[in-house]
Every structure is written in C-alpha cells, then in structure tokens.
Amino acid sequence: MSNVDDAFLAAQSLTPAEQIQLISRLWESMPKTDFRPSDADLAEVKRRWAEYKAGRMEAVPWEEVHNSVMRELEQSE
C-alpha cells in the first residue's frame, strides 16, 4: 500500500467537517505556481464571469460559501 493509500484510509475516519478542513489545508499547501486550470475550467470561469457582468448572477463572498458548507456538514453528522 502507498503513502497516499494510507493517508486516504486515515482521512476516511475523519468527520465530514474534518475532511473538508484537511482538503482545505492540503489545497493551501500546494505550490501556487504548479496549478494550471484545464481549458474546460477556464471556459466555465469565463461563462460565469459573463453571467455576472450581465447582471444575471450575484457574487457570494467565499467566507459566506465556506461557512454555509461547514454548517451543512456539521448538521449532517
């Protein structure tokens, strides 16, 4: 078994909220220069940006989205 498999098995024992916290910490620890979104991801960002600029979509602050997800995860435990 690989280190990744071991880490995954350990992560499965965490609560959903703890798993999200782990994912967040892993994501934040990634070197910023190594990330390149796919062409499909970039196209989706451009589509959403056009929707926002046209007034068909409202922005939601990241903190609000994050807090909402965390509340839902905690309620599902």
C-alpha atoms as a PDB file:
ATOM      1  CA  MET A   1       0.000   0.000   0.000  1.00  0.00           C
ATOM      2  CA  SER A   2       1.287   3.502  -0.822  1.00  0.00           C
ATOM      3  CA  ASN A   3       1.574   6.509   1.445  1.00  0.00           C
ATOM      4  CA  VAL A   4      -1.340   8.052  -0.436  1.00  0.00           C
ATOM      5  CA  ASP A   5      -3.492   4.985   0.229  1.00  0.00           C
ATOM      6  CA  ASP A   6      -2.546   5.077   3.910  1.00  0.00           C
ATOM      7  CA  ALA A   7      -3.377   8.766   4.151  1.00  0.00           C
ATOM      8  CA  PHE A   8      -6.700   8.204   2.376  1.00  0.00           C
ATOM      9  CA  LEU A   9      -7.657   5.430   4.775  1.00  0.00           C
ATOM     10  CA  ALA A  10      -6.784   7.651   7.728  1.00  0.00           C
ATOM     11  CA  ALA A  11      -8.779  10.536   6.254  1.00  0.00           C
ATOM     12  CA  GLN A  12     -11.862   8.341   5.910  1.00  0.00           C
ATOM     13  CA  SER A  13     -12.040   8.100   9.707  1.00  0.00           C
ATOM     14  CA  LEU A  14     -12.473  11.882   9.974  1.00  0.00           C
ATOM     15  CA  THR A  15     -15.849  13.582  10.231  1.00  0.00           C
ATOM     16  CA  PRO A  16     -17.070  15.338   7.063  1.00  0.00           C
ATOM     17  CA  ALA A  17     -16.160  18.724   8.577  1.00  0.00           C
ATOM     18  CA  GLU A  18     -12.655  17.474   9.409  1.00  0.00           C
ATOM     19  CA  GLN A  19     -12.277  16.083   5.880  1.00  0.00           C
ATOM     20  CA  ILE A  20     -13.160  19.496   4.431  1.00  0.00           C
ATOM     21  CA  GLN A  21     -10.652  21.108   6.790  1.00  0.00           C
ATOM     22  CA  LEU A  22      -7.989  18.623   5.647  1.00  0.00           C
ATOM     23  CA  ILE A  23      -8.771  19.250   1.981  1.00  0.00           C
ATOM     24  CA  SER A  24      -8.527  22.986   2.570  1.00  0.00           C
ATOM     25  CA  ARG A  25      -5.181  22.669   4.320  1.00  0.00           C
ATOM     26  CA  LEU A  26      -3.801  20.408   1.590  1.00  0.00           C
ATOM     27  CA  TRP A  27      -5.008  22.788  -1.119  1.00  0.00           C
ATOM     28  CA  GLU A  28      -3.471  25.795   0.642  1.00  0.00           C
ATOM     29  CA  SER A  29      -0.156  23.967   0.977  1.00  0.00           C
ATOM     30  CA  MET A  30       0.134  23.341  -2.766  1.00  0.00           C
ATOM     31  CA  PRO A  31       2.794  25.387  -4.566  1.00  0.00           C
ATOM     32  CA  LYS A  32       0.931  28.191  -6.307  1.00  0.00           C
ATOM     33  CA  THR A  33       2.998  28.015  -9.497  1.00  0.00           C
ATOM     34  CA  ASP A  34       2.178  24.359 -10.246  1.00  0.00           C
ATOM     35  CA  PHE A  35      -1.549  24.935 -10.777  1.00  0.00           C
ATOM     36  CA  ARG A  36      -2.951  25.292 -14.297  1.00  0.00           C
ATOM     37  CA  PRO A  37      -6.719  25.016 -14.722  1.00  0.00           C
ATOM     38  CA  SER A  38      -7.964  22.938 -17.621  1.00  0.00           C
ATOM     39  CA  ASP A  39      -9.368  24.576 -20.737  1.00  0.00           C
ATOM     40  CA  ALA A  40     -12.852  23.422 -19.662  1.00  0.00           C
ATOM     41  CA  ASP A  41     -12.407  25.036 -16.237  1.00  0.00           C
ATOM     42  CA  LEU A  42     -11.239  28.286 -17.807  1.00  0.00           C
ATOM     43  CA  ALA A  43     -14.220  28.250 -20.169  1.00  0.00           C
ATOM     44  CA  GLU A  44     -16.572  27.809 -17.199  1.00  0.00           C
ATOM     45  CA  VAL A  45     -14.961  30.727 -15.355  1.00  0.00           C
ATOM     46  CA  LYS A  46     -15.351  32.906 -18.444  1.00  0.00           C
ATOM     47  CA  ARG A  47     -19.002  31.853 -18.824  1.00  0.00           C
ATOM     48  CA  ARG A  48     -19.757  32.659 -15.185  1.00  0.00           C
ATOM     49  CA  TRP A  49     -17.908  35.977 -15.397  1.00  0.00           C
ATOM     50  CA  ALA A  50     -20.023  36.953 -18.425  1.00  0.00           C
ATOM     51  CA  GLU A  51     -23.189  35.993 -16.489  1.00  0.00           C
ATOM     52  CA  TYR A  52     -22.048  38.117 -13.549  1.00  0.00           C
ATOM     53  CA  LYS A  53     -21.165  41.124 -15.708  1.00  0.00           C
ATOM     54  CA  ALA A  54     -24.551  40.872 -17.459  1.00  0.00           C
ATOM     55  CA  GLY A  55     -26.303  41.036 -14.076  1.00  0.00           C
ATOM     56  CA  ARG A  56     -27.740  37.522 -14.286  1.00  0.00           C
ATOM     57  CA  MET A  57     -25.694  36.259 -11.338  1.00  0.00           C
ATOM     58  CA  GLU A  58     -24.705  37.713  -7.967  1.00  0.00           C
ATOM     59  CA  ALA A  59     -21.358  37.230  -6.287  1.00  0.00           C
ATOM     60  CA  VAL A  60     -21.222  35.474  -2.926  1.00  0.00           C
ATOM     61  CA  PRO A  61     -18.196  36.067  -0.690  1.00  0.00           C
ATOM     62  CA  TRP A  62     -16.017  32.963  -0.175  1.00  0.00           C
ATOM     63  CA  GLU A  63     -16.404  33.214   3.599  1.00  0.00           C
ATOM     64  CA  GLU A  64     -20.187  33.009   3.247  1.00  0.00           C
ATOM     65  CA  VAL A  65     -19.985  29.966   0.962  1.00  0.00           C
ATOM     66  CA  HIS A  66     -17.439  28.248   3.210  1.00  0.00           C
ATOM     67  CA  ASN A  67     -19.449  28.928   6.379  1.00  0.00           C
ATOM     68  CA  SER A  68     -22.630  27.651   4.744  1.00  0.00           C
ATOM     69  CA  VAL A  69     -20.962  24.401   3.659  1.00  0.00           C
ATOM     70  CA  MET A  70     -19.420  23.904   7.089  1.00  0.00           C
ATOM     71  CA  ARG A  71     -22.813  24.418   8.799  1.00  0.00           C
ATOM     72  CA  GLU A  72     -24.448  21.866   6.499  1.00  0.00           C
ATOM     73  CA  LEU A  73     -21.679  19.338   7.119  1.00  0.00           C
ATOM     74  CA  GLU A  74     -21.905  19.791  10.882  1.00  0.00           C
ATOM     75  CA  GLN A  75     -25.694  19.313  10.791  1.00  0.00           C
ATOM     76  CA  SER A  76     -25.316  16.078   8.800  1.00  0.00           C
ATOM     77  CA  GLU A  77     -23.030  14.480  11.407  1.00  0.00           C
END
